[in-house]
Every structure is written in C-alpha cells, then in structure tokens.
C-alpha cells in the first residue's frame, strides 16, 4: 500500500518513476 500511494503521488512519467525507484535504492 505504501508504494502504491507514493507512486500515484509522484508527478513524474512512468519511466522516471521506475528510474526513481532504482536510483533511490
């Protein structure tokens, strides 16, 4: 649930959301 909320809220494209997840880790 936590990740769904974060991904829905972020104002980025789907590609950059994936990059953000990878880069953050």
PDBML (XML) file of the C-alpha atoms, coordinates in Angstrom:
<?xml version="1.0" encoding="UTF-8" ?>
<PDBx:datablock datablockName="MODEL"
   xmlns:PDBx="http://pdbml.pdb.org/schema/pdbx-v50.xsd"
   xmlns:xsi="http://www.w3.org/2001/XMLSchema-instance"
   xsi:schemaLocation="http://pdbml.pdb.org/schema/pdbx-v50.xsd pdbx-v50.xsd">
   <PDBx:atom_siteCategory>
      <PDBx:atom_site id="1">
         <PDBx:B_iso_or_equiv>0.00</PDBx:B_iso_or_equiv>
         <PDBx:Cartn_x>0.000</PDBx:Cartn_x>
         <PDBx:Cartn_y>0.000</PDBx:Cartn_y>
         <PDBx:Cartn_z>0.000</PDBx:Cartn_z>
         <PDBx:auth_asym_id>A</PDBx:auth_asym_id>
         <PDBx:auth_atom_id>CA</PDBx:auth_atom_id>
         <PDBx:auth_comp_id>UNK</PDBx:auth_comp_id>
         <PDBx:auth_seq_id>1</PDBx:auth_seq_id>
         <PDBx:group_PDB>ATOM</PDBx:group_PDB>
         <PDBx:label_alt_id xsi:nil="true" />
         <PDBx:label_asym_id>A</PDBx:label_asym_id>
         <PDBx:label_atom_id>CA</PDBx:label_atom_id>
         <PDBx:label_comp_id>UNK</PDBx:label_comp_id>
         <PDBx:label_entity_id>1</PDBx:label_entity_id>
         <PDBx:label_seq_id>1</PDBx:label_seq_id>
         <PDBx:occupancy>1.00</PDBx:occupancy>
         <PDBx:pdbx_PDB_model_num>1</PDBx:pdbx_PDB_model_num>
         <PDBx:type_symbol>C</PDBx:type_symbol>
      </PDBx:atom_site>
      <PDBx:atom_site id="2">
         <PDBx:B_iso_or_equiv>0.00</PDBx:B_iso_or_equiv>
         <PDBx:Cartn_x>2.836</PDBx:Cartn_x>
         <PDBx:Cartn_y>2.381</PDBx:Cartn_y>
         <PDBx:Cartn_z>0.847</PDBx:Cartn_z>
         <PDBx:auth_asym_id>A</PDBx:auth_asym_id>
         <PDBx:auth_atom_id>CA</PDBx:auth_atom_id>
         <PDBx:auth_comp_id>UNK</PDBx:auth_comp_id>
         <PDBx:auth_seq_id>2</PDBx:auth_seq_id>
         <PDBx:group_PDB>ATOM</PDBx:group_PDB>
         <PDBx:label_alt_id xsi:nil="true" />
         <PDBx:label_asym_id>A</PDBx:label_asym_id>
         <PDBx:label_atom_id>CA</PDBx:label_atom_id>
         <PDBx:label_comp_id>UNK</PDBx:label_comp_id>
         <PDBx:label_entity_id>1</PDBx:label_entity_id>
         <PDBx:label_seq_id>2</PDBx:label_seq_id>
         <PDBx:occupancy>1.00</PDBx:occupancy>
         <PDBx:pdbx_PDB_model_num>1</PDBx:pdbx_PDB_model_num>
         <PDBx:type_symbol>C</PDBx:type_symbol>
      </PDBx:atom_site>
      <PDBx:atom_site id="3">
         <PDBx:B_iso_or_equiv>0.00</PDBx:B_iso_or_equiv>
         <PDBx:Cartn_x>4.445</PDBx:Cartn_x>
         <PDBx:Cartn_y>2.059</PDBx:Cartn_y>
         <PDBx:Cartn_z>-2.557</PDBx:Cartn_z>
         <PDBx:auth_asym_id>A</PDBx:auth_asym_id>
         <PDBx:auth_atom_id>CA</PDBx:auth_atom_id>
         <PDBx:auth_comp_id>UNK</PDBx:auth_comp_id>
         <PDBx:auth_seq_id>3</PDBx:auth_seq_id>
         <PDBx:group_PDB>ATOM</PDBx:group_PDB>
         <PDBx:label_alt_id xsi:nil="true" />
         <PDBx:label_asym_id>A</PDBx:label_asym_id>
         <PDBx:label_atom_id>CA</PDBx:label_atom_id>
         <PDBx:label_comp_id>UNK</PDBx:label_comp_id>
         <PDBx:label_entity_id>1</PDBx:label_entity_id>
         <PDBx:label_seq_id>3</PDBx:label_seq_id>
         <PDBx:occupancy>1.00</PDBx:occupancy>
         <PDBx:pdbx_PDB_model_num>1</PDBx:pdbx_PDB_model_num>
         <PDBx:type_symbol>C</PDBx:type_symbol>
      </PDBx:atom_site>
      <PDBx:atom_site id="4">
         <PDBx:B_iso_or_equiv>0.00</PDBx:B_iso_or_equiv>
         <PDBx:Cartn_x>1.147</PDBx:Cartn_x>
         <PDBx:Cartn_y>2.443</PDBx:Cartn_y>
         <PDBx:Cartn_z>-4.409</PDBx:Cartn_z>
         <PDBx:auth_asym_id>A</PDBx:auth_asym_id>
         <PDBx:auth_atom_id>CA</PDBx:auth_atom_id>
         <PDBx:auth_comp_id>UNK</PDBx:auth_comp_id>
         <PDBx:auth_seq_id>4</PDBx:auth_seq_id>
         <PDBx:group_PDB>ATOM</PDBx:group_PDB>
         <PDBx:label_alt_id xsi:nil="true" />
         <PDBx:label_asym_id>A</PDBx:label_asym_id>
         <PDBx:label_atom_id>CA</PDBx:label_atom_id>
         <PDBx:label_comp_id>UNK</PDBx:label_comp_id>
         <PDBx:label_entity_id>1</PDBx:label_entity_id>
         <PDBx:label_seq_id>4</PDBx:label_seq_id>
         <PDBx:occupancy>1.00</PDBx:occupancy>
         <PDBx:pdbx_PDB_model_num>1</PDBx:pdbx_PDB_model_num>
         <PDBx:type_symbol>C</PDBx:type_symbol>
      </PDBx:atom_site>
      <PDBx:atom_site id="5">
         <PDBx:B_iso_or_equiv>0.00</PDBx:B_iso_or_equiv>
         <PDBx:Cartn_x>0.473</PDBx:Cartn_x>
         <PDBx:Cartn_y>5.740</PDBx:Cartn_y>
         <PDBx:Cartn_z>-2.604</PDBx:Cartn_z>
         <PDBx:auth_asym_id>A</PDBx:auth_asym_id>
         <PDBx:auth_atom_id>CA</PDBx:auth_atom_id>
         <PDBx:auth_comp_id>UNK</PDBx:auth_comp_id>
         <PDBx:auth_seq_id>5</PDBx:auth_seq_id>
         <PDBx:group_PDB>ATOM</PDBx:group_PDB>
         <PDBx:label_alt_id xsi:nil="true" />
         <PDBx:label_asym_id>A</PDBx:label_asym_id>
         <PDBx:label_atom_id>CA</PDBx:label_atom_id>
         <PDBx:label_comp_id>UNK</PDBx:label_comp_id>
         <PDBx:label_entity_id>1</PDBx:label_entity_id>
         <PDBx:label_seq_id>5</PDBx:label_seq_id>
         <PDBx:occupancy>1.00</PDBx:occupancy>
         <PDBx:pdbx_PDB_model_num>1</PDBx:pdbx_PDB_model_num>
         <PDBx:type_symbol>C</PDBx:type_symbol>
      </PDBx:atom_site>
      <PDBx:atom_site id="6">
         <PDBx:B_iso_or_equiv>0.00</PDBx:B_iso_or_equiv>
         <PDBx:Cartn_x>3.979</PDBx:Cartn_x>
         <PDBx:Cartn_y>7.054</PDBx:Cartn_y>
         <PDBx:Cartn_z>-3.301</PDBx:Cartn_z>
         <PDBx:auth_asym_id>A</PDBx:auth_asym_id>
         <PDBx:auth_atom_id>CA</PDBx:auth_atom_id>
         <PDBx:auth_comp_id>UNK</PDBx:auth_comp_id>
         <PDBx:auth_seq_id>6</PDBx:auth_seq_id>
         <PDBx:group_PDB>ATOM</PDBx:group_PDB>
         <PDBx:label_alt_id xsi:nil="true" />
         <PDBx:label_asym_id>A</PDBx:label_asym_id>
         <PDBx:label_atom_id>CA</PDBx:label_atom_id>
         <PDBx:label_comp_id>UNK</PDBx:label_comp_id>
         <PDBx:label_entity_id>1</PDBx:label_entity_id>
         <PDBx:label_seq_id>6</PDBx:label_seq_id>
         <PDBx:occupancy>1.00</PDBx:occupancy>
         <PDBx:pdbx_PDB_model_num>1</PDBx:pdbx_PDB_model_num>
         <PDBx:type_symbol>C</PDBx:type_symbol>
      </PDBx:atom_site>
      <PDBx:atom_site id="7">
         <PDBx:B_iso_or_equiv>0.00</PDBx:B_iso_or_equiv>
         <PDBx:Cartn_x>3.957</PDBx:Cartn_x>
         <PDBx:Cartn_y>6.079</PDBx:Cartn_y>
         <PDBx:Cartn_z>-6.982</PDBx:Cartn_z>
         <PDBx:auth_asym_id>A</PDBx:auth_asym_id>
         <PDBx:auth_atom_id>CA</PDBx:auth_atom_id>
         <PDBx:auth_comp_id>UNK</PDBx:auth_comp_id>
         <PDBx:auth_seq_id>7</PDBx:auth_seq_id>
         <PDBx:group_PDB>ATOM</PDBx:group_PDB>
         <PDBx:label_alt_id xsi:nil="true" />
         <PDBx:label_asym_id>A</PDBx:label_asym_id>
         <PDBx:label_atom_id>CA</PDBx:label_atom_id>
         <PDBx:label_comp_id>UNK</PDBx:label_comp_id>
         <PDBx:label_entity_id>1</PDBx:label_entity_id>
         <PDBx:label_seq_id>7</PDBx:label_seq_id>
         <PDBx:occupancy>1.00</PDBx:occupancy>
         <PDBx:pdbx_PDB_model_num>1</PDBx:pdbx_PDB_model_num>
         <PDBx:type_symbol>C</PDBx:type_symbol>
      </PDBx:atom_site>
      <PDBx:atom_site id="8">
         <PDBx:B_iso_or_equiv>0.00</PDBx:B_iso_or_equiv>
         <PDBx:Cartn_x>0.481</PDBx:Cartn_x>
         <PDBx:Cartn_y>7.599</PDBx:Cartn_y>
         <PDBx:Cartn_z>-7.503</PDBx:Cartn_z>
         <PDBx:auth_asym_id>A</PDBx:auth_asym_id>
         <PDBx:auth_atom_id>CA</PDBx:auth_atom_id>
         <PDBx:auth_comp_id>UNK</PDBx:auth_comp_id>
         <PDBx:auth_seq_id>8</PDBx:auth_seq_id>
         <PDBx:group_PDB>ATOM</PDBx:group_PDB>
         <PDBx:label_alt_id xsi:nil="true" />
         <PDBx:label_asym_id>A</PDBx:label_asym_id>
         <PDBx:label_atom_id>CA</PDBx:label_atom_id>
         <PDBx:label_comp_id>UNK</PDBx:label_comp_id>
         <PDBx:label_entity_id>1</PDBx:label_entity_id>
         <PDBx:label_seq_id>8</PDBx:label_seq_id>
         <PDBx:occupancy>1.00</PDBx:occupancy>
         <PDBx:pdbx_PDB_model_num>1</PDBx:pdbx_PDB_model_num>
         <PDBx:type_symbol>C</PDBx:type_symbol>
      </PDBx:atom_site>
      <PDBx:atom_site id="9">
         <PDBx:B_iso_or_equiv>0.00</PDBx:B_iso_or_equiv>
         <PDBx:Cartn_x>1.514</PDBx:Cartn_x>
         <PDBx:Cartn_y>10.889</PDBx:Cartn_y>
         <PDBx:Cartn_z>-5.914</PDBx:Cartn_z>
         <PDBx:auth_asym_id>A</PDBx:auth_asym_id>
         <PDBx:auth_atom_id>CA</PDBx:auth_atom_id>
         <PDBx:auth_comp_id>UNK</PDBx:auth_comp_id>
         <PDBx:auth_seq_id>9</PDBx:auth_seq_id>
         <PDBx:group_PDB>ATOM</PDBx:group_PDB>
         <PDBx:label_alt_id xsi:nil="true" />
         <PDBx:label_asym_id>A</PDBx:label_asym_id>
         <PDBx:label_atom_id>CA</PDBx:label_atom_id>
         <PDBx:label_comp_id>UNK</PDBx:label_comp_id>
         <PDBx:label_entity_id>1</PDBx:label_entity_id>
         <PDBx:label_seq_id>9</PDBx:label_seq_id>
         <PDBx:occupancy>1.00</PDBx:occupancy>
         <PDBx:pdbx_PDB_model_num>1</PDBx:pdbx_PDB_model_num>
         <PDBx:type_symbol>C</PDBx:type_symbol>
      </PDBx:atom_site>
      <PDBx:atom_site id="10">
         <PDBx:B_iso_or_equiv>0.00</PDBx:B_iso_or_equiv>
         <PDBx:Cartn_x>4.831</PDBx:Cartn_x>
         <PDBx:Cartn_y>11.450</PDBx:Cartn_y>
         <PDBx:Cartn_z>-7.691</PDBx:Cartn_z>
         <PDBx:auth_asym_id>A</PDBx:auth_asym_id>
         <PDBx:auth_atom_id>CA</PDBx:auth_atom_id>
         <PDBx:auth_comp_id>UNK</PDBx:auth_comp_id>
         <PDBx:auth_seq_id>10</PDBx:auth_seq_id>
         <PDBx:group_PDB>ATOM</PDBx:group_PDB>
         <PDBx:label_alt_id xsi:nil="true" />
         <PDBx:label_asym_id>A</PDBx:label_asym_id>
         <PDBx:label_atom_id>CA</PDBx:label_atom_id>
         <PDBx:label_comp_id>UNK</PDBx:label_comp_id>
         <PDBx:label_entity_id>1</PDBx:label_entity_id>
         <PDBx:label_seq_id>10</PDBx:label_seq_id>
         <PDBx:occupancy>1.00</PDBx:occupancy>
         <PDBx:pdbx_PDB_model_num>1</PDBx:pdbx_PDB_model_num>
         <PDBx:type_symbol>C</PDBx:type_symbol>
      </PDBx:atom_site>
      <PDBx:atom_site id="11">
         <PDBx:B_iso_or_equiv>0.00</PDBx:B_iso_or_equiv>
         <PDBx:Cartn_x>4.437</PDBx:Cartn_x>
         <PDBx:Cartn_y>13.982</PDBx:Cartn_y>
         <PDBx:Cartn_z>-10.556</PDBx:Cartn_z>
         <PDBx:auth_asym_id>A</PDBx:auth_asym_id>
         <PDBx:auth_atom_id>CA</PDBx:auth_atom_id>
         <PDBx:auth_comp_id>UNK</PDBx:auth_comp_id>
         <PDBx:auth_seq_id>11</PDBx:auth_seq_id>
         <PDBx:group_PDB>ATOM</PDBx:group_PDB>
         <PDBx:label_alt_id xsi:nil="true" />
         <PDBx:label_asym_id>A</PDBx:label_asym_id>
         <PDBx:label_atom_id>CA</PDBx:label_atom_id>
         <PDBx:label_comp_id>UNK</PDBx:label_comp_id>
         <PDBx:label_entity_id>1</PDBx:label_entity_id>
         <PDBx:label_seq_id>11</PDBx:label_seq_id>
         <PDBx:occupancy>1.00</PDBx:occupancy>
         <PDBx:pdbx_PDB_model_num>1</PDBx:pdbx_PDB_model_num>
         <PDBx:type_symbol>C</PDBx:type_symbol>
      </PDBx:atom_site>
      <PDBx:atom_site id="12">
         <PDBx:B_iso_or_equiv>0.00</PDBx:B_iso_or_equiv>
         <PDBx:Cartn_x>6.728</PDBx:Cartn_x>
         <PDBx:Cartn_y>12.109</PDBx:Cartn_y>
         <PDBx:Cartn_z>-13.000</PDBx:Cartn_z>
         <PDBx:auth_asym_id>A</PDBx:auth_asym_id>
         <PDBx:auth_atom_id>CA</PDBx:auth_atom_id>
         <PDBx:auth_comp_id>UNK</PDBx:auth_comp_id>
         <PDBx:auth_seq_id>12</PDBx:auth_seq_id>
         <PDBx:group_PDB>ATOM</PDBx:group_PDB>
         <PDBx:label_alt_id xsi:nil="true" />
         <PDBx:label_asym_id>A</PDBx:label_asym_id>
         <PDBx:label_atom_id>CA</PDBx:label_atom_id>
         <PDBx:label_comp_id>UNK</PDBx:label_comp_id>
         <PDBx:label_entity_id>1</PDBx:label_entity_id>
         <PDBx:label_seq_id>12</PDBx:label_seq_id>
         <PDBx:occupancy>1.00</PDBx:occupancy>
         <PDBx:pdbx_PDB_model_num>1</PDBx:pdbx_PDB_model_num>
         <PDBx:type_symbol>C</PDBx:type_symbol>
      </PDBx:atom_site>
      <PDBx:atom_site id="13">
         <PDBx:B_iso_or_equiv>0.00</PDBx:B_iso_or_equiv>
         <PDBx:Cartn_x>6.318</PDBx:Cartn_x>
         <PDBx:Cartn_y>9.930</PDBx:Cartn_y>
         <PDBx:Cartn_z>-16.058</PDBx:Cartn_z>
         <PDBx:auth_asym_id>A</PDBx:auth_asym_id>
         <PDBx:auth_atom_id>CA</PDBx:auth_atom_id>
         <PDBx:auth_comp_id>UNK</PDBx:auth_comp_id>
         <PDBx:auth_seq_id>13</PDBx:auth_seq_id>
         <PDBx:group_PDB>ATOM</PDBx:group_PDB>
         <PDBx:label_alt_id xsi:nil="true" />
         <PDBx:label_asym_id>A</PDBx:label_asym_id>
         <PDBx:label_atom_id>CA</PDBx:label_atom_id>
         <PDBx:label_comp_id>UNK</PDBx:label_comp_id>
         <PDBx:label_entity_id>1</PDBx:label_entity_id>
         <PDBx:label_seq_id>13</PDBx:label_seq_id>
         <PDBx:occupancy>1.00</PDBx:occupancy>
         <PDBx:pdbx_PDB_model_num>1</PDBx:pdbx_PDB_model_num>
         <PDBx:type_symbol>C</PDBx:type_symbol>
      </PDBx:atom_site>
      <PDBx:atom_site id="14">
         <PDBx:B_iso_or_equiv>0.00</PDBx:B_iso_or_equiv>
         <PDBx:Cartn_x>6.079</PDBx:Cartn_x>
         <PDBx:Cartn_y>6.177</PDBx:Cartn_y>
         <PDBx:Cartn_z>-15.555</PDBx:Cartn_z>
         <PDBx:auth_asym_id>A</PDBx:auth_asym_id>
         <PDBx:auth_atom_id>CA</PDBx:auth_atom_id>
         <PDBx:auth_comp_id>UNK</PDBx:auth_comp_id>
         <PDBx:auth_seq_id>14</PDBx:auth_seq_id>
         <PDBx:group_PDB>ATOM</PDBx:group_PDB>
         <PDBx:label_alt_id xsi:nil="true" />
         <PDBx:label_asym_id>A</PDBx:label_asym_id>
         <PDBx:label_atom_id>CA</PDBx:label_atom_id>
         <PDBx:label_comp_id>UNK</PDBx:label_comp_id>
         <PDBx:label_entity_id>1</PDBx:label_entity_id>
         <PDBx:label_seq_id>14</PDBx:label_seq_id>
         <PDBx:occupancy>1.00</PDBx:occupancy>
         <PDBx:pdbx_PDB_model_num>1</PDBx:pdbx_PDB_model_num>
         <PDBx:type_symbol>C</PDBx:type_symbol>
      </PDBx:atom_site>
      <PDBx:atom_site id="15">
         <PDBx:B_iso_or_equiv>0.00</PDBx:B_iso_or_equiv>
         <PDBx:Cartn_x>9.580</PDBx:Cartn_x>
         <PDBx:Cartn_y>5.764</PDBx:Cartn_y>
         <PDBx:Cartn_z>-16.954</PDBx:Cartn_z>
         <PDBx:auth_asym_id>A</PDBx:auth_asym_id>
         <PDBx:auth_atom_id>CA</PDBx:auth_atom_id>
         <PDBx:auth_comp_id>UNK</PDBx:auth_comp_id>
         <PDBx:auth_seq_id>15</PDBx:auth_seq_id>
         <PDBx:group_PDB>ATOM</PDBx:group_PDB>
         <PDBx:label_alt_id xsi:nil="true" />
         <PDBx:label_asym_id>A</PDBx:label_asym_id>
         <PDBx:label_atom_id>CA</PDBx:label_atom_id>
         <PDBx:label_comp_id>UNK</PDBx:label_comp_id>
         <PDBx:label_entity_id>1</PDBx:label_entity_id>
         <PDBx:label_seq_id>15</PDBx:label_seq_id>
         <PDBx:occupancy>1.00</PDBx:occupancy>
         <PDBx:pdbx_PDB_model_num>1</PDBx:pdbx_PDB_model_num>
         <PDBx:type_symbol>C</PDBx:type_symbol>
      </PDBx:atom_site>
      <PDBx:atom_site id="16">
         <PDBx:B_iso_or_equiv>0.00</PDBx:B_iso_or_equiv>
         <PDBx:Cartn_x>11.009</PDBx:Cartn_x>
         <PDBx:Cartn_y>8.234</PDBx:Cartn_y>
         <PDBx:Cartn_z>-14.467</PDBx:Cartn_z>
         <PDBx:auth_asym_id>A</PDBx:auth_asym_id>
         <PDBx:auth_atom_id>CA</PDBx:auth_atom_id>
         <PDBx:auth_comp_id>UNK</PDBx:auth_comp_id>
         <PDBx:auth_seq_id>16</PDBx:auth_seq_id>
         <PDBx:group_PDB>ATOM</PDBx:group_PDB>
         <PDBx:label_alt_id xsi:nil="true" />
         <PDBx:label_asym_id>A</PDBx:label_asym_id>
         <PDBx:label_atom_id>CA</PDBx:label_atom_id>
         <PDBx:label_comp_id>UNK</PDBx:label_comp_id>
         <PDBx:label_entity_id>1</PDBx:label_entity_id>
         <PDBx:label_seq_id>16</PDBx:label_seq_id>
         <PDBx:occupancy>1.00</PDBx:occupancy>
         <PDBx:pdbx_PDB_model_num>1</PDBx:pdbx_PDB_model_num>
         <PDBx:type_symbol>C</PDBx:type_symbol>
      </PDBx:atom_site>
      <PDBx:atom_site id="17">
         <PDBx:B_iso_or_equiv>0.00</PDBx:B_iso_or_equiv>
         <PDBx:Cartn_x>9.065</PDBx:Cartn_x>
         <PDBx:Cartn_y>6.661</PDBx:Cartn_y>
         <PDBx:Cartn_z>-11.607</PDBx:Cartn_z>
         <PDBx:auth_asym_id>A</PDBx:auth_asym_id>
         <PDBx:auth_atom_id>CA</PDBx:auth_atom_id>
         <PDBx:auth_comp_id>UNK</PDBx:auth_comp_id>
         <PDBx:auth_seq_id>17</PDBx:auth_seq_id>
         <PDBx:group_PDB>ATOM</PDBx:group_PDB>
         <PDBx:label_alt_id xsi:nil="true" />
         <PDBx:label_asym_id>A</PDBx:label_asym_id>
         <PDBx:label_atom_id>CA</PDBx:label_atom_id>
         <PDBx:label_comp_id>UNK</PDBx:label_comp_id>
         <PDBx:label_entity_id>1</PDBx:label_entity_id>
         <PDBx:label_seq_id>17</PDBx:label_seq_id>
         <PDBx:occupancy>1.00</PDBx:occupancy>
         <PDBx:pdbx_PDB_model_num>1</PDBx:pdbx_PDB_model_num>
         <PDBx:type_symbol>C</PDBx:type_symbol>
      </PDBx:atom_site>
      <PDBx:atom_site id="18">
         <PDBx:B_iso_or_equiv>0.00</PDBx:B_iso_or_equiv>
         <PDBx:Cartn_x>10.844</PDBx:Cartn_x>
         <PDBx:Cartn_y>3.402</PDBx:Cartn_y>
         <PDBx:Cartn_z>-12.386</PDBx:Cartn_z>
         <PDBx:auth_asym_id>A</PDBx:auth_asym_id>
         <PDBx:auth_atom_id>CA</PDBx:auth_atom_id>
         <PDBx:auth_comp_id>UNK</PDBx:auth_comp_id>
         <PDBx:auth_seq_id>18</PDBx:auth_seq_id>
         <PDBx:group_PDB>ATOM</PDBx:group_PDB>
         <PDBx:label_alt_id xsi:nil="true" />
         <PDBx:label_asym_id>A</PDBx:label_asym_id>
         <PDBx:label_atom_id>CA</PDBx:label_atom_id>
         <PDBx:label_comp_id>UNK</PDBx:label_comp_id>
         <PDBx:label_entity_id>1</PDBx:label_entity_id>
         <PDBx:label_seq_id>18</PDBx:label_seq_id>
         <PDBx:occupancy>1.00</PDBx:occupancy>
         <PDBx:pdbx_PDB_model_num>1</PDBx:pdbx_PDB_model_num>
         <PDBx:type_symbol>C</PDBx:type_symbol>
      </PDBx:atom_site>
      <PDBx:atom_site id="19">
         <PDBx:B_iso_or_equiv>0.00</PDBx:B_iso_or_equiv>
         <PDBx:Cartn_x>14.186</PDBx:Cartn_x>
         <PDBx:Cartn_y>5.212</PDBx:Cartn_y>
         <PDBx:Cartn_z>-12.592</PDBx:Cartn_z>
         <PDBx:auth_asym_id>A</PDBx:auth_asym_id>
         <PDBx:auth_atom_id>CA</PDBx:auth_atom_id>
         <PDBx:auth_comp_id>UNK</PDBx:auth_comp_id>
         <PDBx:auth_seq_id>19</PDBx:auth_seq_id>
         <PDBx:group_PDB>ATOM</PDBx:group_PDB>
         <PDBx:label_alt_id xsi:nil="true" />
         <PDBx:label_asym_id>A</PDBx:label_asym_id>
         <PDBx:label_atom_id>CA</PDBx:label_atom_id>
         <PDBx:label_comp_id>UNK</PDBx:label_comp_id>
         <PDBx:label_entity_id>1</PDBx:label_entity_id>
         <PDBx:label_seq_id>19</PDBx:label_seq_id>
         <PDBx:occupancy>1.00</PDBx:occupancy>
         <PDBx:pdbx_PDB_model_num>1</PDBx:pdbx_PDB_model_num>
         <PDBx:type_symbol>C</PDBx:type_symbol>
      </PDBx:atom_site>
      <PDBx:atom_site id="20">
         <PDBx:B_iso_or_equiv>0.00</PDBx:B_iso_or_equiv>
         <PDBx:Cartn_x>13.428</PDBx:Cartn_x>
         <PDBx:Cartn_y>6.974</PDBx:Cartn_y>
         <PDBx:Cartn_z>-9.310</PDBx:Cartn_z>
         <PDBx:auth_asym_id>A</PDBx:auth_asym_id>
         <PDBx:auth_atom_id>CA</PDBx:auth_atom_id>
         <PDBx:auth_comp_id>UNK</PDBx:auth_comp_id>
         <PDBx:auth_seq_id>20</PDBx:auth_seq_id>
         <PDBx:group_PDB>ATOM</PDBx:group_PDB>
         <PDBx:label_alt_id xsi:nil="true" />
         <PDBx:label_asym_id>A</PDBx:label_asym_id>
         <PDBx:label_atom_id>CA</PDBx:label_atom_id>
         <PDBx:label_comp_id>UNK</PDBx:label_comp_id>
         <PDBx:label_entity_id>1</PDBx:label_entity_id>
         <PDBx:label_seq_id>20</PDBx:label_seq_id>
         <PDBx:occupancy>1.00</PDBx:occupancy>
         <PDBx:pdbx_PDB_model_num>1</PDBx:pdbx_PDB_model_num>
         <PDBx:type_symbol>C</PDBx:type_symbol>
      </PDBx:atom_site>
      <PDBx:atom_site id="21">
         <PDBx:B_iso_or_equiv>0.00</PDBx:B_iso_or_equiv>
         <PDBx:Cartn_x>12.768</PDBx:Cartn_x>
         <PDBx:Cartn_y>3.642</PDBx:Cartn_y>
         <PDBx:Cartn_z>-7.574</PDBx:Cartn_z>
         <PDBx:auth_asym_id>A</PDBx:auth_asym_id>
         <PDBx:auth_atom_id>CA</PDBx:auth_atom_id>
         <PDBx:auth_comp_id>UNK</PDBx:auth_comp_id>
         <PDBx:auth_seq_id>21</PDBx:auth_seq_id>
         <PDBx:group_PDB>ATOM</PDBx:group_PDB>
         <PDBx:label_alt_id xsi:nil="true" />
         <PDBx:label_asym_id>A</PDBx:label_asym_id>
         <PDBx:label_atom_id>CA</PDBx:label_atom_id>
         <PDBx:label_comp_id>UNK</PDBx:label_comp_id>
         <PDBx:label_entity_id>1</PDBx:label_entity_id>
         <PDBx:label_seq_id>21</PDBx:label_seq_id>
         <PDBx:occupancy>1.00</PDBx:occupancy>
         <PDBx:pdbx_PDB_model_num>1</PDBx:pdbx_PDB_model_num>
         <PDBx:type_symbol>C</PDBx:type_symbol>
      </PDBx:atom_site>
      <PDBx:atom_site id="22">
         <PDBx:B_iso_or_equiv>0.00</PDBx:B_iso_or_equiv>
         <PDBx:Cartn_x>16.003</PDBx:Cartn_x>
         <PDBx:Cartn_y>2.159</PDBx:Cartn_y>
         <PDBx:Cartn_z>-8.921</PDBx:Cartn_z>
         <PDBx:auth_asym_id>A</PDBx:auth_asym_id>
         <PDBx:auth_atom_id>CA</PDBx:auth_atom_id>
         <PDBx:auth_comp_id>UNK</PDBx:auth_comp_id>
         <PDBx:auth_seq_id>22</PDBx:auth_seq_id>
         <PDBx:group_PDB>ATOM</PDBx:group_PDB>
         <PDBx:label_alt_id xsi:nil="true" />
         <PDBx:label_asym_id>A</PDBx:label_asym_id>
         <PDBx:label_atom_id>CA</PDBx:label_atom_id>
         <PDBx:label_comp_id>UNK</PDBx:label_comp_id>
         <PDBx:label_entity_id>1</PDBx:label_entity_id>
         <PDBx:label_seq_id>22</PDBx:label_seq_id>
         <PDBx:occupancy>1.00</PDBx:occupancy>
         <PDBx:pdbx_PDB_model_num>1</PDBx:pdbx_PDB_model_num>
         <PDBx:type_symbol>C</PDBx:type_symbol>
      </PDBx:atom_site>
      <PDBx:atom_site id="23">
         <PDBx:B_iso_or_equiv>0.00</PDBx:B_iso_or_equiv>
         <PDBx:Cartn_x>18.119</PDBx:Cartn_x>
         <PDBx:Cartn_y>5.226</PDBx:Cartn_y>
         <PDBx:Cartn_z>-8.224</PDBx:Cartn_z>
         <PDBx:auth_asym_id>A</PDBx:auth_asym_id>
         <PDBx:auth_atom_id>CA</PDBx:auth_atom_id>
         <PDBx:auth_comp_id>UNK</PDBx:auth_comp_id>
         <PDBx:auth_seq_id>23</PDBx:auth_seq_id>
         <PDBx:group_PDB>ATOM</PDBx:group_PDB>
         <PDBx:label_alt_id xsi:nil="true" />
         <PDBx:label_asym_id>A</PDBx:label_asym_id>
         <PDBx:label_atom_id>CA</PDBx:label_atom_id>
         <PDBx:label_comp_id>UNK</PDBx:label_comp_id>
         <PDBx:label_entity_id>1</PDBx:label_entity_id>
         <PDBx:label_seq_id>23</PDBx:label_seq_id>
         <PDBx:occupancy>1.00</PDBx:occupancy>
         <PDBx:pdbx_PDB_model_num>1</PDBx:pdbx_PDB_model_num>
         <PDBx:type_symbol>C</PDBx:type_symbol>
      </PDBx:atom_site>
      <PDBx:atom_site id="24">
         <PDBx:B_iso_or_equiv>0.00</PDBx:B_iso_or_equiv>
         <PDBx:Cartn_x>16.748</PDBx:Cartn_x>
         <PDBx:Cartn_y>5.673</PDBx:Cartn_y>
         <PDBx:Cartn_z>-4.705</PDBx:Cartn_z>
         <PDBx:auth_asym_id>A</PDBx:auth_asym_id>
         <PDBx:auth_atom_id>CA</PDBx:auth_atom_id>
         <PDBx:auth_comp_id>UNK</PDBx:auth_comp_id>
         <PDBx:auth_seq_id>24</PDBx:auth_seq_id>
         <PDBx:group_PDB>ATOM</PDBx:group_PDB>
         <PDBx:label_alt_id xsi:nil="true" />
         <PDBx:label_asym_id>A</PDBx:label_asym_id>
         <PDBx:label_atom_id>CA</PDBx:label_atom_id>
         <PDBx:label_comp_id>UNK</PDBx:label_comp_id>
         <PDBx:label_entity_id>1</PDBx:label_entity_id>
         <PDBx:label_seq_id>24</PDBx:label_seq_id>
         <PDBx:occupancy>1.00</PDBx:occupancy>
         <PDBx:pdbx_PDB_model_num>1</PDBx:pdbx_PDB_model_num>
         <PDBx:type_symbol>C</PDBx:type_symbol>
      </PDBx:atom_site>
      <PDBx:atom_site id="25">
         <PDBx:B_iso_or_equiv>0.00</PDBx:B_iso_or_equiv>
         <PDBx:Cartn_x>17.681</PDBx:Cartn_x>
         <PDBx:Cartn_y>2.113</PDBx:Cartn_y>
         <PDBx:Cartn_z>-3.813</PDBx:Cartn_z>
         <PDBx:auth_asym_id>A</PDBx:auth_asym_id>
         <PDBx:auth_atom_id>CA</PDBx:auth_atom_id>
         <PDBx:auth_comp_id>UNK</PDBx:auth_comp_id>
         <PDBx:auth_seq_id>25</PDBx:auth_seq_id>
         <PDBx:group_PDB>ATOM</PDBx:group_PDB>
         <PDBx:label_alt_id xsi:nil="true" />
         <PDBx:label_asym_id>A</PDBx:label_asym_id>
         <PDBx:label_atom_id>CA</PDBx:label_atom_id>
         <PDBx:label_comp_id>UNK</PDBx:label_comp_id>
         <PDBx:label_entity_id>1</PDBx:label_entity_id>
         <PDBx:label_seq_id>25</PDBx:label_seq_id>
         <PDBx:occupancy>1.00</PDBx:occupancy>
         <PDBx:pdbx_PDB_model_num>1</PDBx:pdbx_PDB_model_num>
         <PDBx:type_symbol>C</PDBx:type_symbol>
      </PDBx:atom_site>
   </PDBx:atom_siteCategory>
</PDBx:datablock>
